[in-house]
C-alpha atoms as a PDB file:
ATOM      1  CA  MET A   1       9.522   4.489  60.205  1.00  0.00           C
ATOM      2  CA  TYR A   2      11.931   7.363  60.196  1.00  0.00           C
ATOM      3  CA  ASP A   3      13.849   9.123  57.402  1.00  0.00           C
ATOM      4  CA  ILE A   4      17.497   7.968  57.414  1.00  0.00           C
ATOM      5  CA  TYR A   5      18.640  11.308  55.938  1.00  0.00           C
ATOM      6  CA  GLY A   6      17.495  13.262  59.024  1.00  0.00           C
ATOM      7  CA  THR A   7      18.905  11.150  61.842  1.00  0.00           C
ATOM      8  CA  HIS A   8      21.483  13.817  62.642  1.00  0.00           C
ATOM      9  CA  GLN A   9      18.889  16.327  63.841  1.00  0.00           C
ATOM     10  CA  GLU A  10      19.159  15.444  67.546  1.00  0.00           C
ATOM     11  CA  ALA A  11      22.976  15.752  67.474  1.00  0.00           C
ATOM     12  CA  LEU A  12      22.798  19.010  65.471  1.00  0.00           C
ATOM     13  CA  ALA A  13      20.313  20.548  67.903  1.00  0.00           C
ATOM     14  CA  TRP A  14      22.527  19.422  70.861  1.00  0.00           C
ATOM     15  CA  ALA A  15      25.578  21.075  69.272  1.00  0.00           C
ATOM     16  CA  LEU A  16      23.735  24.281  68.316  1.00  0.00           C
ATOM     17  CA  GLY A  17      22.471  24.600  71.841  1.00  0.00           C
ATOM     18  CA  ARG A  18      26.059  24.598  73.159  1.00  0.00           C
ATOM     19  CA  ALA A  19      27.452  26.795  70.423  1.00  0.00           C
ATOM     20  CA  ALA A  20      29.446  29.902  71.195  1.00  0.00           C
ATOM     21  CA  HIS A  21      28.849  32.835  68.894  1.00  0.00           C
ATOM     22  CA  GLY A  22      30.297  32.491  65.418  1.00  0.00           C
ATOM     23  CA  SER A  23      29.697  31.331  61.897  1.00  0.00           C
ATOM     24  CA  ILE A  24      28.317  27.938  60.934  1.00  0.00           C
ATOM     25  CA  LEU A  25      29.710  25.674  58.169  1.00  0.00           C
ATOM     26  CA  GLU A  26      27.562  23.033  56.429  1.00  0.00           C
ATOM     27  CA  VAL A  27      29.414  20.539  54.256  1.00  0.00           C
ATOM     28  CA  GLY A  28      26.800  18.664  52.260  1.00  0.00           C
ATOM     29  CA  ILE A  29      23.445  20.326  51.865  1.00  0.00           C
ATOM     30  CA  GLY A  30      20.036  18.728  52.078  1.00  0.00           C
ATOM     31  CA  TRP A  31      16.316  19.104  52.973  1.00  0.00           C
ATOM     32  CA  TRP A  32      17.011  18.301  56.657  1.00  0.00           C
ATOM     33  CA  SER A  33      20.132  20.265  57.577  1.00  0.00           C
ATOM     34  CA  THR A  34      19.952  23.325  55.325  1.00  0.00           C
ATOM     35  CA  PRO A  35      16.506  24.589  56.441  1.00  0.00           C
ATOM     36  CA  CYS A  36      17.359  23.876  60.106  1.00  0.00           C
ATOM     37  CA  LEU A  37      20.684  25.717  59.960  1.00  0.00           C
ATOM     38  CA  HIS A  38      19.188  28.550  57.923  1.00  0.00           C
ATOM     39  CA  GLY A  39      16.463  29.116  60.513  1.00  0.00           C
ATOM     40  CA  PHE A  40      18.965  28.933  63.404  1.00  0.00           C
ATOM     41  CA  CYS A  41      21.322  31.434  61.757  1.00  0.00           C
ATOM     42  CA  GLU A  42      18.513  33.802  60.896  1.00  0.00           C
ATOM     43  CA  ALA A  43      17.264  33.762  64.466  1.00  0.00           C
ATOM     44  CA  THR A  44      20.699  34.248  65.978  1.00  0.00           C
ATOM     45  CA  GLY A  45      22.228  36.668  63.440  1.00  0.00           C
ATOM     46  CA  ARG A  46      25.004  34.308  62.303  1.00  0.00           C
ATOM     47  CA  GLN A  47      26.681  33.719  58.985  1.00  0.00           C
ATOM     48  CA  LEU A  48      26.028  30.342  57.347  1.00  0.00           C
ATOM     49  CA  VAL A  49      28.217  28.869  54.583  1.00  0.00           C
ATOM     50  CA  SER A  50      26.920  25.760  52.810  1.00  0.00           C
ATOM     51  CA  VAL A  51      29.356  23.736  50.689  1.00  0.00           C
ATOM     52  CA  GLU A  52      28.234  21.186  48.070  1.00  0.00           C
ATOM     53  CA  ASN A  53      29.806  19.276  45.199  1.00  0.00           C
ATOM     54  CA  GLN A  54      26.697  17.778  43.614  1.00  0.00           C
ATOM     55  CA  SER A  55      24.971  20.024  41.132  1.00  0.00           C
ATOM     56  CA  GLY A  56      21.527  18.512  41.719  1.00  0.00           C
ATOM     57  CA  TRP A  57      21.555  19.547  45.390  1.00  0.00           C
ATOM     58  CA  MET A  58      23.090  22.932  44.670  1.00  0.00           C
ATOM     59  CA  ASN A  59      20.588  23.737  41.901  1.00  0.00           C
ATOM     60  CA  GLU A  60      17.588  22.669  43.984  1.00  0.00           C
ATOM     61  CA  ILE A  61      18.367  24.212  47.372  1.00  0.00           C
ATOM     62  CA  ALA A  62      20.675  27.229  46.878  1.00  0.00           C
ATOM     63  CA  PRO A  63      18.140  29.384  44.988  1.00  0.00           C
ATOM     64  CA  ILE A  64      15.656  28.995  47.841  1.00  0.00           C
ATOM     65  CA  TYR A  65      17.987  29.838  50.725  1.00  0.00           C
ATOM     66  CA  ALA A  66      20.869  31.976  49.466  1.00  0.00           C
ATOM     67  CA  ASN A  67      20.985  35.519  50.797  1.00  0.00           C
ATOM     68  CA  GLN A  68      23.434  38.059  52.232  1.00  0.00           C
ATOM     69  CA  TRP A  69      24.163  35.953  55.362  1.00  0.00           C
ATOM     70  CA  HIS A  70      23.751  32.453  53.847  1.00  0.00           C
ATOM     71  CA  THR A  71      26.229  31.771  51.060  1.00  0.00           C
ATOM     72  CA  PHE A  72      26.716  28.640  49.018  1.00  0.00           C
ATOM     73  CA  TRP A  73      30.165  27.524  47.840  1.00  0.00           C
ATOM     74  CA  TRP A  74      30.743  24.966  45.134  1.00  0.00           C
ATOM     75  CA  ASP A  75      33.185  22.336  46.521  1.00  0.00           C
ATOM     76  CA  HIS A  76      35.153  25.154  48.167  1.00  0.00           C
ATOM     77  CA  PRO A  77      38.139  24.494  50.426  1.00  0.00           C
ATOM     78  CA  ALA A  78      36.047  25.725  53.377  1.00  0.00           C
ATOM     79  CA  VAL A  79      38.573  24.693  55.950  1.00  0.00           C
ATOM     80  CA  ALA A  80      41.018  27.421  55.034  1.00  0.00           C
ATOM     81  CA  PRO A  81      42.878  28.443  58.198  1.00  0.00           C
ATOM     82  CA  ASP A  82      41.766  32.114  58.016  1.00  0.00           C
ATOM     83  CA  LEU A  83      38.113  31.139  58.420  1.00  0.00           C
ATOM     84  CA  LYS A  84      36.769  30.461  61.906  1.00  0.00           C
ATOM     85  CA  TRP A  85      33.655  28.393  62.648  1.00  0.00           C
ATOM     86  CA  ALA A  86      31.585  27.879  65.784  1.00  0.00           C
ATOM     87  CA  ILE A  87      30.135  24.665  64.378  1.00  0.00           C
ATOM     88  CA  ALA A  88      30.588  22.589  61.257  1.00  0.00           C
ATOM     89  CA  LEU A  89      28.223  19.877  60.017  1.00  0.00           C
ATOM     90  CA  ILE A  90      29.916  17.241  57.889  1.00  0.00           C
ATOM     91  CA  ASP A  91      27.420  15.279  55.802  1.00  0.00           C
ATOM     92  CA  GLY A  92      28.938  15.454  52.338  1.00  0.00           C
ATOM     93  CA  ASP A  93      31.558  13.872  50.096  1.00  0.00           C
ATOM     94  CA  ALA A  94      32.590  10.494  51.522  1.00  0.00           C
ATOM     95  CA  LEU A  95      36.200  10.710  50.385  1.00  0.00           C
ATOM     96  CA  LYS A  96      36.761  14.201  51.954  1.00  0.00           C
ATOM     97  CA  ARG A  97      35.200  13.653  55.370  1.00  0.00           C
ATOM     98  CA  ALA A  98      38.402  12.751  57.157  1.00  0.00           C
ATOM     99  CA  LEU A  99      40.178  15.639  55.499  1.00  0.00           C
ATOM    100  CA  PHE A 100      37.535  18.135  56.697  1.00  0.00           C
ATOM    101  CA  ILE A 101      37.383  16.683  60.224  1.00  0.00           C
ATOM    102  CA  ARG A 102      41.200  16.949  60.628  1.00  0.00           C
ATOM    103  CA  ALA A 103      41.474  20.392  59.043  1.00  0.00           C
ATOM    104  CA  LEU A 104      38.732  21.821  61.171  1.00  0.00           C
ATOM    105  CA  GLN A 105      40.690  21.114  64.356  1.00  0.00           C
ATOM    106  CA  ALA A 106      42.536  24.360  63.693  1.00  0.00           C
ATOM    107  CA  ASN A 107      39.587  26.629  63.124  1.00  0.00           C
ATOM    108  CA  CYS A 108      36.382  25.125  64.475  1.00  0.00           C
ATOM    109  CA  ASN A 109      35.035  24.618  68.006  1.00  0.00           C
ATOM    110  CA  CYS A 110      32.607  21.774  67.332  1.00  0.00           C
ATOM    111  CA  VAL A 111      32.011  19.342  64.452  1.00  0.00           C
ATOM    112  CA  VAL A 112      28.867  17.249  63.893  1.00  0.00           C
ATOM    113  CA  VAL A 113      29.445  14.231  61.617  1.00  0.00           C
ATOM    114  CA  HIS A 114      26.609  12.197  60.167  1.00  0.00           C
ATOM    115  CA  ASP A 115      26.879   8.473  59.250  1.00  0.00           C
ATOM    116  CA  THR A 116      29.295   7.318  61.994  1.00  0.00           C
ATOM    117  CA  GLU A 117      27.873   3.870  62.804  1.00  0.00           C
ATOM    118  CA  PRO A 118      30.339   0.953  62.392  1.00  0.00           C
ATOM    119  CA  ASP A 119      28.620  -0.470  59.297  1.00  0.00           C
ATOM    120  CA  SER A 120      29.244   2.762  57.347  1.00  0.00           C
ATOM    121  CA  ARG A 121      33.024   3.079  58.128  1.00  0.00           C
ATOM    122  CA  ASN A 122      34.049   1.329  54.909  1.00  0.00           C
ATOM    123  CA  HIS A 123      32.350   4.088  52.935  1.00  0.00           C
ATOM    124  CA  TYR A 124      34.182   6.891  54.736  1.00  0.00           C
ATOM    125  CA  PRO A 125      37.988   6.270  54.666  1.00  0.00           C
ATOM    126  CA  GLU A 126      39.857   7.310  57.827  1.00  0.00           C
ATOM    127  CA  MET A 127      36.805   9.058  59.262  1.00  0.00           C
ATOM    128  CA  GLU A 128      36.885   7.168  62.608  1.00  0.00           C
ATOM    129  CA  GLU A 129      40.629   7.888  62.981  1.00  0.00           C
ATOM    130  CA  ALA A 130      40.050  11.620  62.317  1.00  0.00           C
ATOM    131  CA  LEU A 131      37.221  11.773  64.838  1.00  0.00           C
ATOM    132  CA  SER A 132      39.464  10.156  67.487  1.00  0.00           C
ATOM    133  CA  GLU A 133      41.899  13.012  67.192  1.00  0.00           C
ATOM    134  CA  TRP A 134      39.520  15.436  68.846  1.00  0.00           C
ATOM    135  CA  PRO A 135      39.619  15.653  72.656  1.00  0.00           C
ATOM    136  CA  ASN A 136      35.849  15.296  73.272  1.00  0.00           C
ATOM    137  CA  ARG A 137      33.194  13.129  71.593  1.00  0.00           C
ATOM    138  CA  LYS A 138      29.515  12.367  72.072  1.00  0.00           C
ATOM    139  CA  ASP A 139      27.766   9.680  69.917  1.00  0.00           C
ATOM    140  CA  PHE A 140      24.111   9.737  69.094  1.00  0.00           C
ATOM    141  CA  THR A 141      23.163   6.120  68.508  1.00  0.00           C
ATOM    142  CA  ARG A 142      19.432   5.790  69.150  1.00  0.00           C
ATOM    143  CA  ILE A 143      18.694   5.543  65.425  1.00  0.00           C
ATOM    144  CA  VAL A 144      20.779   4.536  62.377  1.00  0.00           C
ATOM    145  CA  PRO A 145      22.634   6.219  60.770  1.00  0.00           C
ATOM    146  CA  HIS A 146      24.482   7.425  63.871  1.00  0.00           C
ATOM    147  CA  THR A 147      25.953  10.840  64.376  1.00  0.00           C
ATOM    148  CA  ALA A 148      29.043  11.906  66.343  1.00  0.00           C
ATOM    149  CA  VAL A 149      29.798  15.327  67.786  1.00  0.00           C
ATOM    150  CA  VAL A 150      33.441  16.249  68.523  1.00  0.00           C
ATOM    151  CA  TRP A 151      34.626  19.446  70.170  1.00  0.00           C
ATOM    152  CA  LYS A 152      37.537  21.115  71.853  1.00  0.00           C
END
């Protein structure tokens, strides 16, 4: 049996392997993505910004990983147009996923989105429509939940 919270790892590794230089954005922190992205950014000398809106996750993970190149933002509007991202991982707030996916088209090269299987679409309003607005897409469907990667 596998852990449903880590099924995005293959897609995330695929996207990181293709990533141009630049900062990484993580929207929704956790014990799978945060350590993985932290290690990748430490090894490659990149900035990592992790955004969370649940105090339990923030209080548990941020004290362990926060440092000068890995910052944590509390429910910050991380898609501000003056910030540029090489990759963004979207695995947070269900109601904001479509908003983030659309806004990142202006300032991000590649977006990894967890929980994209058809059965979950009712939980994430307009997410599928927002993903379809990107020119390129690869779906990782071997295990559920699925993960999609979209890029320019």
